[in-house]
Amino acid sequence: MFIFYTPEGGETEELNARRLRTSEVQIIERTADMKWDEVRRGLRMGDVTSLRTVAWVLKKRAEPSLRLTAFDPFEDELQVKLDADEVVEFAADVMEVFGDKPDSLAGAFDELRDAAYDREACELAIKEAQAPKDPAPAQELTAVPTDGSETDA
């Protein structure tokens, strides 16, 4: 997952949230007063507390003295983009939920495209999610002689 921070009149800063240290996760949990799973869900849903807290912790890597009170972006200055692994997971989930509702499926995939960091990876994930699934491989049957004798192969 990537968070893009674009301060008004400033350059966009890409914050890579794919890999956090446990100490960073603990700081995020304490600061947001949420469990890590809730924060991760919140990031996907655009929850401002999750976005601000994770972005702040990531910015602290380069600016260790940055205080949360000093990092107060406008809500439209933070945006989340999903990495390739997350897109594959979401594409499969979308297909499972909306697979029998073509209009809803198309809309959900459009939203996924907008949320994807890598558009090509997203298109591939959507294509794979929509591909027919191979049925379980058929087991090979072995002929059994009916006269009670065994045959040599």
N, C-alpha and C. Protein backbone atom coordinates (compact mmCIF):
# COMPACT_ATOMS: atom_id res chain seq x y z
N MET A 1 0.85 -1.16 0.00
CA MET A 1 0.00 0.00 0.00
C MET A 1 0.90 1.23 0.00
N PHE A 2 0.48 2.21 -0.74
CA PHE A 2 1.22 3.46 -0.83
C PHE A 2 0.28 4.60 -0.43
N ILE A 3 0.84 5.56 0.29
CA ILE A 3 0.10 6.76 0.63
C ILE A 3 0.78 7.91 -0.08
N PHE A 4 -0.03 8.69 -0.79
CA PHE A 4 0.49 9.87 -1.47
C PHE A 4 0.05 11.09 -0.69
N TYR A 5 1.04 11.91 -0.34
CA TYR A 5 0.78 13.15 0.40
C TYR A 5 1.13 14.30 -0.53
N THR A 6 0.11 15.09 -0.87
CA THR A 6 0.31 16.22 -1.75
C THR A 6 -0.15 17.49 -1.03
N PRO A 7 0.79 18.15 -0.33
CA PRO A 7 0.40 19.39 0.36
C PRO A 7 0.05 20.48 -0.66
N GLU A 8 -0.87 21.31 -0.29
CA GLU A 8 -1.32 22.39 -1.17
C GLU A 8 -0.12 23.18 -1.67
N GLY A 9 0.00 23.24 -3.00
CA GLY A 9 1.09 23.99 -3.61
C GLY A 9 2.43 23.29 -3.55
N GLY A 10 2.47 22.05 -3.06
CA GLY A 10 3.73 21.33 -2.93
C GLY A 10 3.83 20.12 -3.83
N GLU A 11 4.96 19.48 -3.77
CA GLU A 11 5.22 18.27 -4.54
C GLU A 11 4.60 17.06 -3.85
N THR A 12 4.17 16.09 -4.64
CA THR A 12 3.61 14.86 -4.11
C THR A 12 4.72 14.02 -3.51
N GLU A 13 4.47 13.52 -2.32
CA GLU A 13 5.40 12.65 -1.62
C GLU A 13 4.79 11.25 -1.55
N GLU A 14 5.53 10.26 -2.01
CA GLU A 14 5.07 8.87 -1.99
C GLU A 14 5.61 8.19 -0.73
N LEU A 15 4.69 7.69 0.09
CA LEU A 15 5.07 7.02 1.34
C LEU A 15 4.73 5.54 1.20
N ASN A 16 5.74 4.71 1.25
CA ASN A 16 5.56 3.27 1.05
C ASN A 16 5.15 2.62 2.36
N ALA A 17 3.91 2.18 2.42
CA ALA A 17 3.38 1.55 3.64
C ALA A 17 3.31 0.03 3.50
N ARG A 18 4.05 -0.52 2.56
CA ARG A 18 4.02 -1.97 2.35
C ARG A 18 4.70 -2.73 3.47
N ARG A 19 5.68 -2.10 4.09
CA ARG A 19 6.45 -2.80 5.11
C ARG A 19 6.76 -1.85 6.25
N LEU A 20 6.23 -2.17 7.42
CA LEU A 20 6.45 -1.34 8.60
C LEU A 20 7.13 -2.17 9.68
N ARG A 21 7.92 -1.53 10.47
CA ARG A 21 8.55 -2.19 11.62
C ARG A 21 7.50 -2.38 12.71
N THR A 22 7.70 -3.38 13.55
CA THR A 22 6.74 -3.61 14.64
C THR A 22 6.66 -2.40 15.55
N SER A 23 7.78 -1.73 15.78
CA SER A 23 7.75 -0.53 16.63
C SER A 23 6.87 0.55 15.99
N GLU A 24 6.91 0.66 14.66
CA GLU A 24 6.08 1.64 13.98
C GLU A 24 4.60 1.26 14.09
N VAL A 25 4.31 -0.03 13.96
CA VAL A 25 2.93 -0.50 14.10
C VAL A 25 2.43 -0.19 15.51
N GLN A 26 3.26 -0.40 16.50
CA GLN A 26 2.85 -0.12 17.88
C GLN A 26 2.58 1.37 18.08
N ILE A 27 3.40 2.22 17.49
CA ILE A 27 3.17 3.67 17.59
C ILE A 27 1.85 4.03 16.91
N ILE A 28 1.60 3.43 15.75
CA ILE A 28 0.36 3.69 15.02
C ILE A 28 -0.84 3.25 15.86
N GLU A 29 -0.78 2.05 16.43
CA GLU A 29 -1.89 1.55 17.24
C GLU A 29 -2.17 2.46 18.44
N ARG A 30 -1.10 2.86 19.13
CA ARG A 30 -1.29 3.74 20.30
C ARG A 30 -1.85 5.10 19.90
N THR A 31 -1.30 5.66 18.83
CA THR A 31 -1.71 6.99 18.41
C THR A 31 -3.13 7.01 17.88
N ALA A 32 -3.47 6.02 17.06
CA ALA A 32 -4.81 5.96 16.46
C ALA A 32 -5.83 5.37 17.42
N ASP A 33 -5.37 4.75 18.50
CA ASP A 33 -6.24 4.04 19.45
C ASP A 33 -7.07 2.98 18.70
N MET A 34 -6.36 2.24 17.83
CA MET A 34 -6.97 1.19 17.03
C MET A 34 -5.98 0.04 16.92
N LYS A 35 -6.49 -1.18 16.74
CA LYS A 35 -5.64 -2.34 16.47
C LYS A 35 -5.16 -2.24 15.02
N TRP A 36 -4.03 -2.89 14.73
CA TRP A 36 -3.43 -2.81 13.42
C TRP A 36 -4.38 -3.28 12.31
N ASP A 37 -5.12 -4.34 12.54
CA ASP A 37 -6.08 -4.81 11.53
C ASP A 37 -7.13 -3.73 11.22
N GLU A 38 -7.56 -3.01 12.25
CA GLU A 38 -8.53 -1.92 12.04
C GLU A 38 -7.90 -0.79 11.23
N VAL A 39 -6.64 -0.49 11.52
CA VAL A 39 -5.94 0.57 10.79
C VAL A 39 -5.80 0.18 9.32
N ARG A 40 -5.40 -1.07 9.06
CA ARG A 40 -5.25 -1.52 7.67
C ARG A 40 -6.57 -1.45 6.92
N ARG A 41 -7.64 -1.89 7.58
CA ARG A 41 -8.97 -1.77 6.96
C ARG A 41 -9.30 -0.30 6.73
N GLY A 42 -8.98 0.51 7.72
CA GLY A 42 -9.24 1.95 7.61
C GLY A 42 -8.50 2.59 6.44
N LEU A 43 -7.27 2.15 6.20
CA LEU A 43 -6.51 2.67 5.06
C LEU A 43 -7.24 2.35 3.75
N ARG A 44 -7.72 1.12 3.64
CA ARG A 44 -8.42 0.72 2.41
C ARG A 44 -9.71 1.50 2.22
N MET A 45 -10.34 1.88 3.34
CA MET A 45 -11.63 2.57 3.28
C MET A 45 -11.47 4.10 3.28
N GLY A 46 -10.24 4.59 3.36
CA GLY A 46 -10.00 6.02 3.34
C GLY A 46 -10.25 6.70 4.68
N ASP A 47 -10.18 5.94 5.78
CA ASP A 47 -10.37 6.50 7.11
C ASP A 47 -9.27 7.51 7.41
N VAL A 48 -9.64 8.73 7.72
CA VAL A 48 -8.68 9.82 7.89
C VAL A 48 -7.74 9.59 9.08
N THR A 49 -8.21 8.99 10.15
CA THR A 49 -7.33 8.71 11.30
C THR A 49 -6.25 7.72 10.90
N SER A 50 -6.64 6.68 10.19
CA SER A 50 -5.67 5.68 9.74
C SER A 50 -4.67 6.32 8.77
N LEU A 51 -5.17 7.07 7.81
CA LEU A 51 -4.30 7.71 6.81
C LEU A 51 -3.30 8.66 7.46
N ARG A 52 -3.80 9.53 8.30
CA ARG A 52 -2.91 10.53 8.91
C ARG A 52 -1.87 9.87 9.79
N THR A 53 -2.29 8.90 10.60
CA THR A 53 -1.36 8.29 11.55
C THR A 53 -0.27 7.51 10.83
N VAL A 54 -0.64 6.71 9.84
CA VAL A 54 0.36 5.93 9.11
C VAL A 54 1.28 6.87 8.32
N ALA A 55 0.72 7.86 7.66
CA ALA A 55 1.54 8.81 6.92
C ALA A 55 2.52 9.52 7.85
N TRP A 56 2.06 9.92 9.01
CA TRP A 56 2.92 10.60 9.99
C TRP A 56 4.08 9.70 10.40
N VAL A 57 3.79 8.44 10.71
CA VAL A 57 4.85 7.51 11.13
C VAL A 57 5.85 7.30 9.99
N LEU A 58 5.37 7.20 8.77
CA LEU A 58 6.28 7.03 7.63
C LEU A 58 7.12 8.28 7.40
N LYS A 59 6.53 9.44 7.58
CA LYS A 59 7.29 10.69 7.44
C LYS A 59 8.35 10.84 8.53
N LYS A 60 8.08 10.25 9.70
CA LYS A 60 9.04 10.32 10.81
C LYS A 60 10.35 9.59 10.49
N ARG A 61 10.32 8.70 9.52
CA ARG A 61 11.56 8.02 9.13
C ARG A 61 12.60 9.04 8.66
N ALA A 62 12.14 10.02 7.89
CA ALA A 62 13.04 11.06 7.38
C ALA A 62 13.12 12.26 8.32
N GLU A 63 12.07 12.47 9.13
CA GLU A 63 12.02 13.61 10.05
C GLU A 63 11.68 13.09 11.45
N PRO A 64 12.65 12.49 12.16
CA PRO A 64 12.35 11.85 13.44
C PRO A 64 11.70 12.75 14.49
N SER A 65 11.92 14.05 14.42
CA SER A 65 11.34 14.95 15.43
C SER A 65 9.94 15.44 15.06
N LEU A 66 9.39 15.00 13.92
CA LEU A 66 8.07 15.44 13.49
C LEU A 66 7.01 15.00 14.50
N ARG A 67 6.24 15.95 14.97
CA ARG A 67 5.17 15.66 15.93
C ARG A 67 3.85 15.55 15.17
N LEU A 68 2.96 14.73 15.69
CA LEU A 68 1.66 14.54 15.05
C LEU A 68 0.93 15.87 14.91
N THR A 69 1.02 16.71 15.93
CA THR A 69 0.33 18.00 15.88
C THR A 69 0.86 18.90 14.75
N ALA A 70 2.10 18.65 14.33
CA ALA A 70 2.69 19.44 13.25
C ALA A 70 2.35 18.85 11.88
N PHE A 71 1.83 17.64 11.87
CA PHE A 71 1.45 16.99 10.61
C PHE A 71 -0.07 16.93 10.56
N ASP A 72 -0.67 17.97 9.99
CA ASP A 72 -2.13 18.09 9.96
C ASP A 72 -2.58 18.45 8.55
N PRO A 73 -2.45 17.49 7.62
CA PRO A 73 -2.83 17.79 6.23
C PRO A 73 -4.34 17.91 6.07
N PHE A 74 -4.75 18.58 5.01
CA PHE A 74 -6.16 18.58 4.65
C PHE A 74 -6.51 17.18 4.18
N GLU A 75 -7.77 16.77 4.37
CA GLU A 75 -8.16 15.39 4.07
C GLU A 75 -7.94 15.02 2.61
N ASP A 76 -8.02 15.97 1.71
CA ASP A 76 -7.82 15.64 0.29
C ASP A 76 -6.35 15.63 -0.11
N GLU A 77 -5.45 15.87 0.83
CA GLU A 77 -4.02 15.84 0.54
C GLU A 77 -3.41 14.45 0.73
N LEU A 78 -4.19 13.51 1.24
CA LEU A 78 -3.73 12.14 1.44
C LEU A 78 -4.55 11.19 0.58
N GLN A 79 -3.87 10.31 -0.13
CA GLN A 79 -4.55 9.34 -0.99
C GLN A 79 -3.82 8.00 -0.89
N VAL A 80 -4.60 6.92 -0.86
CA VAL A 80 -4.04 5.57 -0.78
C VAL A 80 -4.10 4.91 -2.15
N LYS A 81 -3.05 4.19 -2.48
CA LYS A 81 -3.01 3.36 -3.69
C LYS A 81 -2.59 1.95 -3.26
N LEU A 82 -3.24 0.97 -3.84
CA LEU A 82 -2.98 -0.43 -3.50
C LEU A 82 -1.82 -0.98 -4.32
N ASP A 83 -0.96 -1.78 -3.66
CA ASP A 83 0.14 -2.41 -4.38
C ASP A 83 -0.38 -3.63 -5.14
N ALA A 84 0.50 -4.25 -5.93
CA ALA A 84 0.10 -5.34 -6.83
C ALA A 84 -0.51 -6.52 -6.07
N ASP A 85 0.07 -6.91 -4.94
CA ASP A 85 -0.47 -8.04 -4.17
C ASP A 85 -1.87 -7.73 -3.65
N GLU A 86 -2.07 -6.52 -3.17
CA GLU A 86 -3.38 -6.13 -2.66
C GLU A 86 -4.42 -6.09 -3.78
N VAL A 87 -4.00 -5.67 -4.96
CA VAL A 87 -4.91 -5.60 -6.10
C VAL A 87 -5.37 -7.01 -6.48
N VAL A 88 -4.46 -7.97 -6.47
CA VAL A 88 -4.83 -9.36 -6.79
C VAL A 88 -5.87 -9.86 -5.78
N GLU A 89 -5.62 -9.60 -4.52
CA GLU A 89 -6.54 -10.02 -3.45
C GLU A 89 -7.91 -9.35 -3.61
N PHE A 90 -7.90 -8.06 -3.87
CA PHE A 90 -9.17 -7.33 -4.01
C PHE A 90 -9.93 -7.77 -5.26
N ALA A 91 -9.21 -8.01 -6.36
CA ALA A 91 -9.86 -8.44 -7.60
C ALA A 91 -10.59 -9.76 -7.37
N ALA A 92 -9.94 -10.68 -6.66
CA ALA A 92 -10.59 -11.97 -6.36
C ALA A 92 -11.81 -11.76 -5.47
N ASP A 93 -11.69 -10.88 -4.47
CA ASP A 93 -12.82 -10.59 -3.58
C ASP A 93 -13.99 -9.96 -4.35
N VAL A 94 -13.67 -9.02 -5.22
CA VAL A 94 -14.70 -8.35 -6.02
C VAL A 94 -15.42 -9.36 -6.89
N MET A 95 -14.66 -10.27 -7.50
CA MET A 95 -15.27 -11.28 -8.37
C MET A 95 -16.18 -12.19 -7.57
N GLU A 96 -15.76 -12.54 -6.37
CA GLU A 96 -16.57 -13.42 -5.52
C GLU A 96 -17.88 -12.74 -5.11
N VAL A 97 -17.80 -11.47 -4.77
CA VAL A 97 -18.98 -10.74 -4.29
C VAL A 97 -19.92 -10.33 -5.43
N PHE A 98 -19.35 -9.86 -6.54
CA PHE A 98 -20.17 -9.29 -7.61
C PHE A 98 -20.17 -10.11 -8.90
N GLY A 99 -19.61 -11.30 -8.89
CA GLY A 99 -19.47 -12.11 -10.09
C GLY A 99 -20.77 -12.36 -10.83
N ASP A 100 -21.88 -12.42 -10.11
CA ASP A 100 -23.17 -12.68 -10.76
C ASP A 100 -23.99 -11.40 -10.98
N LYS A 101 -23.34 -10.23 -10.80
CA LYS A 101 -24.01 -8.94 -11.00
C LYS A 101 -23.14 -8.08 -11.92
N PRO A 102 -23.27 -8.24 -13.24
CA PRO A 102 -22.37 -7.58 -14.19
C PRO A 102 -22.23 -6.07 -14.02
N ASP A 103 -23.33 -5.37 -13.75
CA ASP A 103 -23.25 -3.91 -13.60
C ASP A 103 -22.44 -3.53 -12.36
N SER A 104 -22.70 -4.21 -11.27
CA SER A 104 -21.97 -3.94 -10.03
C SER A 104 -20.51 -4.35 -10.17
N LEU A 105 -20.26 -5.45 -10.86
CA LEU A 105 -18.89 -5.94 -11.07
C LEU A 105 -18.07 -4.90 -11.84
N ALA A 106 -18.65 -4.37 -12.90
CA ALA A 106 -17.93 -3.38 -13.70
C ALA A 106 -17.59 -2.15 -12.87
N GLY A 107 -18.53 -1.69 -12.08
CA GLY A 107 -18.28 -0.53 -11.22
C GLY A 107 -17.22 -0.81 -10.17
N ALA A 108 -17.27 -1.99 -9.58
CA ALA A 108 -16.29 -2.36 -8.55
C ALA A 108 -14.89 -2.45 -9.15
N PHE A 109 -14.79 -3.01 -10.37
CA PHE A 109 -13.49 -3.09 -11.01
C PHE A 109 -12.98 -1.70 -11.40
N ASP A 110 -13.86 -0.79 -11.79
CA ASP A 110 -13.45 0.59 -12.08
C ASP A 110 -12.88 1.26 -10.82
N GLU A 111 -13.53 1.02 -9.68
CA GLU A 111 -13.02 1.58 -8.41
C GLU A 111 -11.65 0.98 -8.08
N LEU A 112 -11.50 -0.31 -8.34
CA LEU A 112 -10.22 -0.96 -8.08
C LEU A 112 -9.13 -0.36 -8.97
N ARG A 113 -9.45 -0.10 -10.23
CA ARG A 113 -8.48 0.53 -11.13
C ARG A 113 -8.04 1.89 -10.59
N ASP A 114 -8.99 2.66 -10.08
CA ASP A 114 -8.67 3.98 -9.52
C ASP A 114 -7.79 3.87 -8.28
N ALA A 115 -7.94 2.78 -7.53
CA ALA A 115 -7.21 2.61 -6.28
C ALA A 115 -5.86 1.94 -6.47
N ALA A 116 -5.59 1.43 -7.66
CA ALA A 116 -4.35 0.68 -7.90
C ALA A 116 -3.17 1.59 -8.16
N TYR A 117 -2.05 1.23 -7.59
CA TYR A 117 -0.80 1.95 -7.82
C TYR A 117 -0.29 1.68 -9.23
N ASP A 118 -0.38 0.42 -9.65
CA ASP A 118 0.11 -0.01 -10.95
C ASP A 118 -1.07 -0.46 -11.81
N ARG A 119 -1.42 0.36 -12.79
CA ARG A 119 -2.61 0.11 -13.62
C ARG A 119 -2.49 -1.20 -14.41
N GLU A 120 -1.29 -1.49 -14.94
CA GLU A 120 -1.09 -2.73 -15.70
C GLU A 120 -1.28 -3.95 -14.81
N ALA A 121 -0.73 -3.92 -13.61
CA ALA A 121 -0.88 -5.03 -12.68
C ALA A 121 -2.35 -5.21 -12.31
N CYS A 122 -3.07 -4.11 -12.23
CA CYS A 122 -4.50 -4.17 -11.91
C CYS A 122 -5.27 -4.83 -13.05
N GLU A 123 -4.99 -4.46 -14.28
CA GLU A 123 -5.68 -5.06 -15.42
C GLU A 123 -5.42 -6.56 -15.48
N LEU A 124 -4.19 -6.96 -15.21
CA LEU A 124 -3.84 -8.38 -15.20
C LEU A 124 -4.59 -9.10 -14.09
N ALA A 125 -4.66 -8.49 -12.91
CA ALA A 125 -5.37 -9.10 -11.78
C ALA A 125 -6.86 -9.26 -12.09
N ILE A 126 -7.44 -8.27 -12.72
CA ILE A 126 -8.86 -8.33 -13.10
C ILE A 126 -9.08 -9.44 -14.12
N LYS A 127 -8.18 -9.52 -15.09
CA LYS A 127 -8.30 -10.57 -16.11
C LYS A 127 -8.20 -11.96 -15.47
N GLU A 128 -7.25 -12.13 -14.56
CA GLU A 128 -7.09 -13.42 -13.89
C GLU A 128 -8.29 -13.74 -13.01
N ALA A 129 -8.84 -12.74 -12.34
CA ALA A 129 -10.00 -12.96 -11.47
C ALA A 129 -11.22 -13.39 -12.28
N GLN A 130 -11.33 -12.91 -13.52
CA GLN A 130 -12.48 -13.22 -14.36
C GLN A 130 -12.30 -14.50 -15.18
N ALA A 131 -11.08 -15.01 -15.22
CA ALA A 131 -10.81 -16.21 -16.02
C ALA A 131 -11.54 -17.41 -15.42
N PRO A 132 -12.04 -18.27 -16.29
CA PRO A 132 -12.71 -19.48 -15.77
C PRO A 132 -11.72 -20.29 -14.94
N LYS A 133 -12.21 -20.82 -13.87
CA LYS A 133 -11.35 -21.62 -12.99
C LYS A 133 -11.31 -23.05 -13.50
N ASP A 134 -10.12 -23.65 -13.46
CA ASP A 134 -9.98 -25.04 -13.86
C ASP A 134 -10.67 -25.92 -12.84
N PRO A 135 -11.46 -26.87 -13.32
CA PRO A 135 -12.06 -27.80 -12.36
C PRO A 135 -10.96 -28.67 -11.76
N ALA A 136 -11.27 -29.30 -10.67
CA ALA A 136 -10.29 -30.19 -10.03
C ALA A 136 -9.88 -31.24 -11.05
N PRO A 137 -8.59 -31.60 -11.08
CA PRO A 137 -8.16 -32.59 -12.06
C PRO A 137 -8.86 -33.92 -11.81
N ALA A 138 -9.27 -34.54 -12.90
CA ALA A 138 -9.96 -35.83 -12.80
C ALA A 138 -8.94 -36.90 -12.41
N GLN A 139 -9.34 -37.77 -11.54
CA GLN A 139 -8.44 -38.85 -11.15
C GLN A 139 -8.49 -39.93 -12.21
N GLU A 140 -7.32 -40.48 -12.46
CA GLU A 140 -7.22 -41.53 -13.46
C GLU A 140 -7.80 -42.82 -12.90
N LEU A 141 -8.67 -43.43 -13.66
CA LEU A 141 -9.27 -44.69 -13.23
C LEU A 141 -8.41 -45.85 -13.73
N THR A 142 -8.23 -46.84 -12.89
CA THR A 142 -7.47 -48.02 -13.26
C THR A 142 -8.44 -49.15 -13.53
N ALA A 143 -8.25 -49.79 -14.67
CA ALA A 143 -9.14 -50.89 -15.03
C ALA A 143 -8.88 -52.08 -14.11
N VAL A 144 -9.94 -52.68 -13.65
CA VAL A 144 -9.86 -53.86 -12.80
C VAL A 144 -10.37 -55.03 -13.62
N PRO A 145 -9.56 -56.09 -13.75
CA PRO A 145 -10.02 -57.23 -14.53
C PRO A 145 -11.26 -57.86 -13.90
N THR A 146 -12.19 -58.24 -14.74
CA THR A 146 -13.44 -58.83 -14.24
C THR A 146 -13.34 -60.33 -14.02
N ASP A 147 -12.28 -60.98 -14.57
CA ASP A 147 -12.17 -62.44 -14.40
C ASP A 147 -11.35 -62.83 -13.19
N GLY A 148 -10.94 -61.85 -12.39
CA GLY A 148 -10.18 -62.13 -11.17
C GLY A 148 -8.71 -62.21 -11.38
N SER A 149 -8.24 -62.24 -12.64
CA SER A 149 -6.80 -62.30 -12.87
C SER A 149 -6.23 -60.90 -12.99
N GLU A 150 -4.93 -60.77 -12.72
CA GLU A 150 -4.27 -59.48 -12.86
C GLU A 150 -3.62 -59.40 -14.21
N THR A 151 -3.57 -58.21 -14.73
CA THR A 151 -2.92 -58.03 -16.04
C THR A 151 -1.59 -57.38 -15.82
N ASP A 152 -0.62 -57.72 -16.67
CA ASP A 152 0.69 -57.08 -16.61
C ASP A 152 0.66 -55.87 -17.52
N ALA A 153 1.20 -54.80 -17.02
CA ALA A 153 1.21 -53.57 -17.82
C ALA A 153 2.51 -53.40 -18.51
